[in-house]
């Protein structure tokens, strides 16, 4: 059990992430401490996601991919991990988990990066939009949101409740989302939602999204 703390959010409270520019602003010792702080939070993040993976059915899921805490030239402004079913291990759709300065989120997505090499496109994935209404029946949908790939990371997304109850918003969202791809996810917001157990929060999100995600297998 790992609590999501203010320290984990606060690691991303900075304007600059480029190593080149950070070297201009900080001494070697100060920069070493910044790196150590980032890596310390990332080690916790990695451990959380490994714990989650180990609680998933091992015969169904590929090993979780936890993105590094740098990209070689920059500190990350968020930490990210991806979960894929074995049957979709080499495909673009996945369940992503992300922590940034604003929120923790677990979401279904189409990973456009390298999608051409994987030989798939978002059209089939976007067909899942037609299943969201039936998927949502009987679920608690507070703190669930929809957005499209072109929306900024820190934008205020469309709440799932509004999508389900407002036909006009639903039609407009679907029209825009199919131009790229849609994302559907569960959020916990900094200073608003306490997450005493990150593993349980992430597991719940994955398990709830799984019925939609599994539709892509066939």
Protein backbone atom coordinates (compact mmCIF):
# COMPACT_ATOMS: atom_id res chain seq x y z
CA UNK A 1 0.00 0.00 0.00
CA UNK A 2 1.49 3.33 -1.10
CA UNK A 3 0.00 6.71 -0.24
CA UNK A 4 0.03 9.42 -2.88
CA UNK A 5 1.70 12.35 -1.11
CA UNK A 6 2.05 16.06 -1.76
CA UNK A 7 5.79 15.49 -2.22
CA UNK A 8 5.10 13.26 -5.22
CA UNK A 9 2.98 15.93 -6.89
CA UNK A 10 5.33 18.75 -5.92
CA UNK A 11 8.33 17.21 -7.71
CA UNK A 12 6.80 18.56 -10.94
CA UNK A 13 6.29 22.12 -9.63
CA UNK A 14 8.91 23.78 -11.79
CA UNK A 15 9.06 25.82 -14.97
CA UNK A 16 12.18 24.21 -16.42
CA UNK A 17 12.90 20.54 -17.14
CA UNK A 18 15.73 20.81 -19.68
CA UNK A 19 19.08 19.64 -18.32
CA UNK A 20 20.86 22.22 -20.47
CA UNK A 21 18.91 25.11 -18.94
CA UNK A 22 18.94 23.66 -15.44
CA UNK A 23 22.75 23.60 -15.60
CA UNK A 24 22.64 27.34 -16.27
CA UNK A 25 20.46 27.97 -13.21
CA UNK A 26 21.88 25.62 -10.57
CA UNK A 27 25.22 24.53 -9.20
CA UNK A 28 26.37 20.95 -9.74
CA UNK A 29 25.40 20.04 -6.18
CA UNK A 30 21.96 21.64 -6.51
CA UNK A 31 21.31 19.91 -9.82
CA UNK A 32 22.45 16.59 -8.35
CA UNK A 33 19.89 17.04 -5.56
CA UNK A 34 17.12 17.85 -8.04
CA UNK A 35 17.95 14.68 -9.97
CA UNK A 36 18.05 12.65 -6.76
CA UNK A 37 14.63 13.97 -5.73
CA UNK A 38 13.12 13.14 -9.13
CA UNK A 39 14.61 9.68 -9.13
CA UNK A 40 13.45 9.00 -5.58
CA UNK A 41 9.82 9.76 -6.47
CA UNK A 42 10.20 7.78 -9.68
CA UNK A 43 11.46 4.73 -7.76
CA UNK A 44 8.28 4.85 -5.69
CA UNK A 45 6.23 5.25 -8.88
CA UNK A 46 7.96 2.27 -10.46
CA UNK A 47 7.41 0.15 -7.36
CA UNK A 48 3.71 1.05 -7.29
CA UNK A 49 3.22 -0.02 -10.89
CA UNK A 50 5.16 -3.26 -10.43
CA UNK A 51 2.95 -3.99 -7.41
CA UNK A 52 -0.14 -3.34 -9.56
CA UNK A 53 1.14 -5.57 -12.37
CA UNK A 54 1.79 -8.42 -9.94
CA UNK A 55 -1.85 -8.26 -8.80
CA UNK A 56 -3.17 -8.53 -12.36
CA UNK A 57 -3.82 -11.92 -14.01
CA UNK A 58 -0.34 -12.85 -15.20
CA UNK A 59 -1.73 -14.97 -18.02
CA UNK A 60 -3.60 -11.97 -19.46
CA UNK A 61 -1.23 -9.00 -19.14
CA UNK A 62 2.18 -8.28 -20.59
CA UNK A 63 4.79 -6.87 -18.22
CA UNK A 64 4.03 -3.27 -17.35
CA UNK A 65 6.13 -0.66 -19.15
CA UNK A 66 7.27 2.10 -16.78
CA UNK A 67 8.68 5.08 -18.64
CA UNK A 68 12.03 6.39 -17.42
CA UNK A 69 12.31 9.52 -15.24
CA UNK A 70 14.26 11.30 -18.01
CA UNK A 71 14.28 11.20 -21.80
CA UNK A 72 18.02 11.79 -21.89
CA UNK A 73 17.81 15.56 -22.33
CA UNK A 74 15.06 16.47 -19.88
CA UNK A 75 13.48 15.57 -16.61
CA UNK A 76 9.96 14.28 -17.20
CA UNK A 77 7.12 16.67 -16.36
CA UNK A 78 5.04 13.58 -15.58
CA UNK A 79 5.58 9.89 -14.85
CA UNK A 80 3.83 7.35 -17.05
CA UNK A 81 3.26 3.61 -17.28
CA UNK A 82 1.42 1.44 -19.79
CA UNK A 83 -0.47 -1.82 -19.33
CA UNK A 84 -1.28 -4.07 -22.28
CA UNK A 85 -3.09 -7.35 -22.63
CA UNK A 86 -0.96 -10.16 -24.02
CA UNK A 87 -3.32 -10.37 -26.99
CA UNK A 88 -2.63 -6.67 -27.73
CA UNK A 89 1.00 -6.56 -26.65
CA UNK A 90 2.21 -5.29 -30.02
CA UNK A 91 -0.73 -2.94 -30.65
CA UNK A 92 -1.21 0.75 -29.95
CA UNK A 93 -4.23 0.72 -27.59
CA UNK A 94 -3.31 0.38 -23.92
CA UNK A 95 -4.28 1.45 -20.43
CA UNK A 96 -2.06 4.31 -19.36
CA UNK A 97 -1.34 5.54 -15.84
CA UNK A 98 0.06 9.03 -15.34
CA UNK A 99 1.09 11.24 -12.44
CA UNK A 100 1.76 14.94 -12.97
CA UNK A 101 1.56 18.12 -10.89
CA UNK A 102 -2.23 18.23 -11.16
CA UNK A 103 -3.57 14.67 -10.94
CA UNK A 104 -3.21 10.92 -10.95
CA UNK A 105 -5.08 9.31 -13.82
CA UNK A 106 -5.80 5.84 -15.20
CA UNK A 107 -7.11 5.86 -18.75
CA UNK A 108 -7.78 3.94 -21.93
CA UNK A 109 -5.83 5.35 -24.87
CA UNK A 110 -4.51 4.80 -28.36
CA UNK A 111 -0.76 5.38 -28.29
CA UNK A 112 -0.04 7.25 -31.51
CA UNK A 113 3.72 7.17 -30.95
CA UNK A 114 5.12 4.45 -33.25
CA UNK A 115 1.60 3.33 -34.19
CA UNK A 116 2.56 3.10 -37.87
CA UNK A 117 5.33 0.65 -37.00
CA UNK A 118 2.78 -1.39 -35.07
CA UNK A 119 0.64 -1.54 -38.17
CA UNK A 120 -2.57 -0.20 -36.65
CA UNK A 121 -4.64 2.98 -36.79
CA UNK A 122 -7.10 4.65 -34.42
CA UNK A 123 -10.23 4.07 -36.51
CA UNK A 124 -11.04 0.67 -35.00
CA UNK A 125 -10.14 1.90 -31.53
CA UNK A 126 -12.48 4.91 -31.88
CA UNK A 127 -15.38 2.54 -32.54
CA UNK A 128 -15.37 1.95 -28.78
CA UNK A 129 -17.10 5.32 -28.42
CA UNK A 130 -20.33 3.54 -29.33
CA UNK A 131 -19.88 1.21 -26.34
CA UNK A 132 -19.36 3.86 -23.66
CA UNK A 133 -23.05 4.30 -22.85
CA UNK A 134 -23.59 0.60 -22.15
CA UNK A 135 -20.20 0.33 -20.37
CA UNK A 136 -21.17 3.17 -18.00
CA UNK A 137 -24.44 1.57 -16.89
CA UNK A 138 -24.35 0.75 -13.19
CA UNK A 139 -20.95 2.39 -12.64
CA UNK A 140 -20.07 5.28 -10.35
CA UNK A 141 -18.86 7.82 -12.89
CA UNK A 142 -17.77 10.70 -10.65
CA UNK A 143 -14.17 11.73 -11.39
CA UNK A 144 -14.29 10.02 -14.77
CA UNK A 145 -13.50 12.15 -17.83
CA UNK A 146 -13.30 12.02 -21.62
CA UNK A 147 -10.90 13.97 -23.82
CA UNK A 148 -9.27 13.72 -27.21
CA UNK A 149 -5.59 13.36 -28.02
CA UNK A 150 -5.24 16.98 -29.10
CA UNK A 151 -6.36 18.41 -25.76
CA UNK A 152 -3.61 19.78 -23.56
CA UNK A 153 -2.53 17.66 -20.60
CA UNK A 154 -3.69 20.17 -17.96
CA UNK A 155 -6.93 21.19 -19.66
CA UNK A 156 -10.25 20.68 -17.90
CA UNK A 157 -11.72 17.67 -19.68
CA UNK A 158 -15.35 16.76 -20.33
CA UNK A 159 -16.81 14.91 -17.37
CA UNK A 160 -18.24 11.51 -18.16
CA UNK A 161 -21.43 12.48 -16.34
CA UNK A 162 -21.93 15.43 -18.73
CA UNK A 163 -21.18 13.21 -21.70
CA UNK A 164 -23.78 10.67 -20.57
CA UNK A 165 -26.54 13.20 -19.85
CA UNK A 166 -26.05 15.89 -22.52
CA UNK A 167 -26.71 14.59 -26.03
CA UNK A 168 -25.33 17.73 -27.67
CA UNK A 169 -22.02 17.50 -25.82
CA UNK A 170 -21.85 13.81 -26.61
CA UNK A 171 -22.30 14.36 -30.36
CA UNK A 172 -19.81 17.23 -30.43
CA UNK A 173 -17.19 15.27 -28.50
CA UNK A 174 -17.52 12.20 -30.70
CA UNK A 175 -17.21 14.31 -33.84
CA UNK A 176 -13.98 15.93 -32.60
CA UNK A 177 -12.48 12.81 -31.01
CA UNK A 178 -12.63 10.68 -34.14
CA UNK A 179 -10.34 13.19 -35.87
CA UNK A 180 -7.58 11.87 -33.59
CA UNK A 181 -8.55 9.44 -30.82
CA UNK A 182 -10.45 9.55 -27.54
CA UNK A 183 -9.24 8.90 -24.02
CA UNK A 184 -11.40 7.80 -21.09
CA UNK A 185 -10.09 7.84 -17.57
CA UNK A 186 -10.48 7.98 -13.83
CA UNK A 187 -8.85 10.92 -12.00
CA UNK A 188 -7.70 11.85 -8.51
CA UNK A 189 -6.94 15.56 -8.19
CA UNK A 190 -4.20 17.14 -6.09
CA UNK A 191 -5.46 18.80 -2.89
CA UNK A 192 -8.95 17.47 -3.65
CA UNK A 193 -8.89 13.68 -3.66
CA UNK A 194 -6.95 11.71 -1.08
CA UNK A 195 -5.38 8.52 -2.41
CA UNK A 196 -4.31 6.43 0.55
CA UNK A 197 -3.57 3.40 -1.62
CA UNK A 198 -2.22 4.12 -5.10
CA UNK A 199 -2.12 0.45 -6.03
CA UNK A 200 -5.84 0.02 -5.31
CA UNK A 201 -6.72 3.21 -7.17
CA UNK A 202 -4.82 2.10 -10.28
CA UNK A 203 -6.11 -1.48 -10.09
CA UNK A 204 -9.69 -0.27 -9.85
CA UNK A 205 -9.21 1.93 -12.91
CA UNK A 206 -7.68 -0.90 -14.93
CA UNK A 207 -10.38 -3.37 -13.91
CA UNK A 208 -13.15 -0.93 -14.80
CA UNK A 209 -11.64 -0.13 -18.19
CA UNK A 210 -10.91 -3.76 -19.01
CA UNK A 211 -14.35 -4.60 -20.51
CA UNK A 212 -13.87 -1.83 -23.08
CA UNK A 213 -10.22 -2.62 -23.71
CA UNK A 214 -10.92 -6.34 -24.22
CA UNK A 215 -13.36 -5.56 -27.04
CA UNK A 216 -10.33 -4.73 -29.17
CA UNK A 217 -9.02 -8.28 -28.96
CA UNK A 218 -11.63 -9.45 -31.43
